[in-house]
Protein backbone atom coordinates (compact mmCIF):
# COMPACT_ATOMS: atom_id res chain seq x y z
CA MET A 1 59.37 -22.12 56.09
CA ALA A 2 56.32 -20.24 56.76
CA ARG A 3 52.97 -20.00 57.63
CA LEU A 4 49.60 -21.27 56.43
CA ILE A 5 46.48 -19.54 58.10
CA ALA A 6 43.27 -21.02 57.13
CA VAL A 7 40.18 -18.66 57.37
CA ASP A 8 36.59 -20.16 58.04
CA TYR A 9 35.14 -17.58 56.62
CA GLY A 10 30.97 -16.41 57.58
CA MET A 11 28.97 -13.44 57.95
CA LYS A 12 28.96 -13.63 62.22
CA ARG A 13 31.75 -14.44 62.60
CA VAL A 14 34.81 -16.28 61.03
CA GLY A 15 36.91 -19.59 63.00
CA ILE A 16 41.23 -18.13 61.71
CA ALA A 17 43.53 -22.32 61.87
CA VAL A 18 46.96 -21.30 61.42
CA THR A 19 49.97 -24.63 60.84
CA ASP A 20 53.64 -24.50 62.49
CA PRO A 21 56.26 -23.39 60.51
CA ASN A 22 56.08 -26.37 58.86
CA GLN A 23 52.99 -26.94 57.72
CA VAL A 24 52.67 -30.13 58.55
CA ILE A 25 49.68 -29.50 61.61
CA ALA A 26 47.41 -27.16 60.64
CA THR A 27 46.27 -25.58 65.18
CA PRO A 28 42.26 -23.51 65.21
CA LEU A 29 43.67 -20.24 65.97
CA THR A 30 40.53 -17.69 67.47
CA THR A 31 37.26 -16.16 66.34
CA LEU A 32 36.57 -13.75 65.46
CA SER A 33 33.94 -11.18 63.42
CA PRO A 34 33.95 -10.72 60.19
CA ALA A 35 35.17 -6.81 60.71
CA GLU A 36 37.24 -7.19 62.81
CA LEU A 37 39.41 -9.84 60.08
CA LEU A 38 41.61 -8.17 57.76
CA PRO A 39 42.62 -5.87 60.90
CA PHE A 40 43.56 -8.89 62.88
CA LEU A 41 45.57 -10.93 59.11
CA SER A 42 47.65 -7.42 59.17
CA ASP A 43 48.39 -7.29 63.03
CA TYR A 44 49.86 -11.45 62.16
CA ILE A 45 51.77 -11.03 58.82
CA SER A 46 53.66 -8.67 60.29
CA GLY A 47 55.04 -10.86 63.30
CA ASN A 48 55.14 -13.52 61.72
CA PRO A 49 56.21 -15.12 58.80
CA VAL A 50 53.17 -16.11 56.15
CA GLU A 51 53.58 -18.44 52.99
CA GLY A 52 49.62 -18.61 52.49
CA ILE A 53 46.00 -17.95 52.95
CA VAL A 54 43.36 -20.83 52.19
CA ILE A 55 39.99 -19.58 53.33
CA GLY A 56 36.98 -22.12 52.74
CA TYR A 57 35.07 -22.40 49.76
CA PRO A 58 31.72 -22.96 49.63
CA LEU A 59 30.09 -24.73 47.22
CA LYS A 60 26.63 -27.46 47.03
CA GLN A 61 26.99 -30.67 46.95
CA ASP A 62 27.10 -30.90 42.59
CA ASN A 63 29.30 -27.88 42.93
CA SER A 64 27.12 -24.82 42.77
CA PRO A 65 27.63 -21.90 44.80
CA THR A 66 26.03 -21.38 47.87
CA ASP A 67 24.51 -17.47 49.20
CA MET A 68 28.32 -17.22 50.70
CA THR A 69 30.60 -17.94 47.53
CA GLY A 70 30.04 -14.73 46.01
CA ARG A 71 30.87 -13.30 49.67
CA VAL A 72 33.84 -15.41 49.29
CA GLN A 73 34.66 -14.72 46.43
CA ALA A 74 35.46 -10.71 47.69
CA LEU A 75 37.36 -11.61 50.12
CA ALA A 76 39.63 -13.74 48.24
CA LYS A 77 39.92 -10.23 45.99
CA LYS A 78 39.66 -7.65 49.00
CA ILE A 79 42.72 -10.09 50.94
CA LYS A 80 44.94 -10.65 47.21
CA LYS A 81 44.62 -6.28 46.91
CA LYS A 82 45.69 -6.45 50.49
CA PHE A 83 48.75 -9.33 50.15
CA ARG A 84 50.33 -9.26 47.55
CA ASP A 85 53.12 -10.78 48.56
CA ILE A 86 51.26 -13.90 50.19
CA GLU A 87 49.53 -16.53 47.72
CA VAL A 88 45.80 -17.08 48.42
CA PHE A 89 43.75 -20.85 47.70
CA LEU A 90 39.64 -21.42 47.76
CA HIS A 91 39.82 -24.40 49.30
CA ASP A 92 36.40 -26.41 49.53
CA GLU A 93 35.12 -26.17 52.49
CA ARG A 94 31.66 -28.62 52.26
CA PHE A 95 30.48 -31.24 55.25
CA THR A 96 33.28 -28.87 57.12
CA SER A 97 31.12 -27.85 59.84
CA GLY A 98 29.56 -31.49 59.85
CA MET A 99 33.20 -33.16 60.66
CA ALA A 100 34.47 -30.29 63.63
CA LEU A 101 31.62 -31.28 65.16
CA THR A 102 32.73 -35.30 65.62
CA ALA A 103 35.44 -33.96 66.16
CA MET A 104 35.09 -32.57 69.33
CA ILE A 105 33.02 -35.16 70.38
CA SER A 106 35.85 -38.09 69.90
CA GLY A 107 37.92 -36.00 71.53
CA GLY A 108 35.48 -35.38 74.11
CA THR A 109 34.99 -32.38 74.80
CA THR A 110 31.71 -31.01 76.55
CA LYS A 111 27.84 -29.47 75.99
CA LYS A 112 28.78 -26.52 76.68
CA TYR A 113 31.85 -26.24 74.90
CA ARG A 114 31.32 -27.43 71.88
CA ARG A 115 27.49 -24.95 71.51
CA ASN A 116 29.52 -22.29 72.01
CA LYS A 117 29.50 -22.77 67.71
CA ALA A 118 32.98 -19.64 67.46
CA ASN A 119 35.04 -22.94 68.80
CA LEU A 120 33.10 -24.75 66.48
CA ASP A 121 34.07 -22.73 63.38
CA LYS A 122 37.35 -22.52 64.83
CA ILE A 123 37.92 -26.39 64.40
CA SER A 124 35.74 -25.84 60.70
CA ALA A 125 38.92 -23.86 59.87
CA THR A 126 41.55 -26.21 60.98
CA ILE A 127 40.28 -28.97 58.98
CA ILE A 128 39.54 -26.28 56.36
CA LEU A 129 43.42 -26.54 57.42
CA GLN A 130 44.59 -29.86 57.70
CA SER A 131 42.54 -30.89 54.18
CA PHE A 132 44.14 -28.17 52.40
CA LEU A 133 47.45 -29.47 53.85
CA GLU A 134 47.07 -33.81 52.87
CA GLN A 135 45.69 -32.07 49.14
CA LYS A 136 48.97 -30.58 48.28
CA GLY A 137 51.35 -33.38 50.08
CA LEU A 138 49.75 -35.66 47.76
CA ARG A 139 49.77 -33.55 44.17
CA LYS A 140 54.01 -33.65 45.33
CA ASP A 141 54.14 -37.84 44.77
C-alpha cells in the first residue's frame, strides 16, 4: 500500500503530514513555505509510493467559503495537473488549529515549542490526515 500526504495550506506556511505505508497512523513531517510545496511534493513522491494527497479545505462554520477557500481550490487544481496519477482529496479542516494546540498541550510540549507556528501547522496537517483516515475507514464498513 502507498502513503497518503496531508497539506495544511497557508499563505505563510504549509504543514505536511504523512501516513505509514499501511495508512493507519498520520505523522507530522515538516513545515515549509508555500513556494517550496510543489518541489517538495515532487521530491517526496519520486522517492516514496504515494496514493493520495489530502488538502485541508477551509470552510466557515456555516459551510460558506473563507478567504482561503479559493486559494486551496487553485492549489488542488495545480497538484492534480502536476501529479496526474495521484488522487487529490479536499478534507474539512475546521477546528484543526485549535485541536492541534490542545493536542500539543496534552502531549506535554513546552510553551516555546507551542509558540513556534510551524509546529502548529504540521500538527494541524496530522489532524487533517488522521481525520481523513478515520472517515475513510468508516466508509469501508
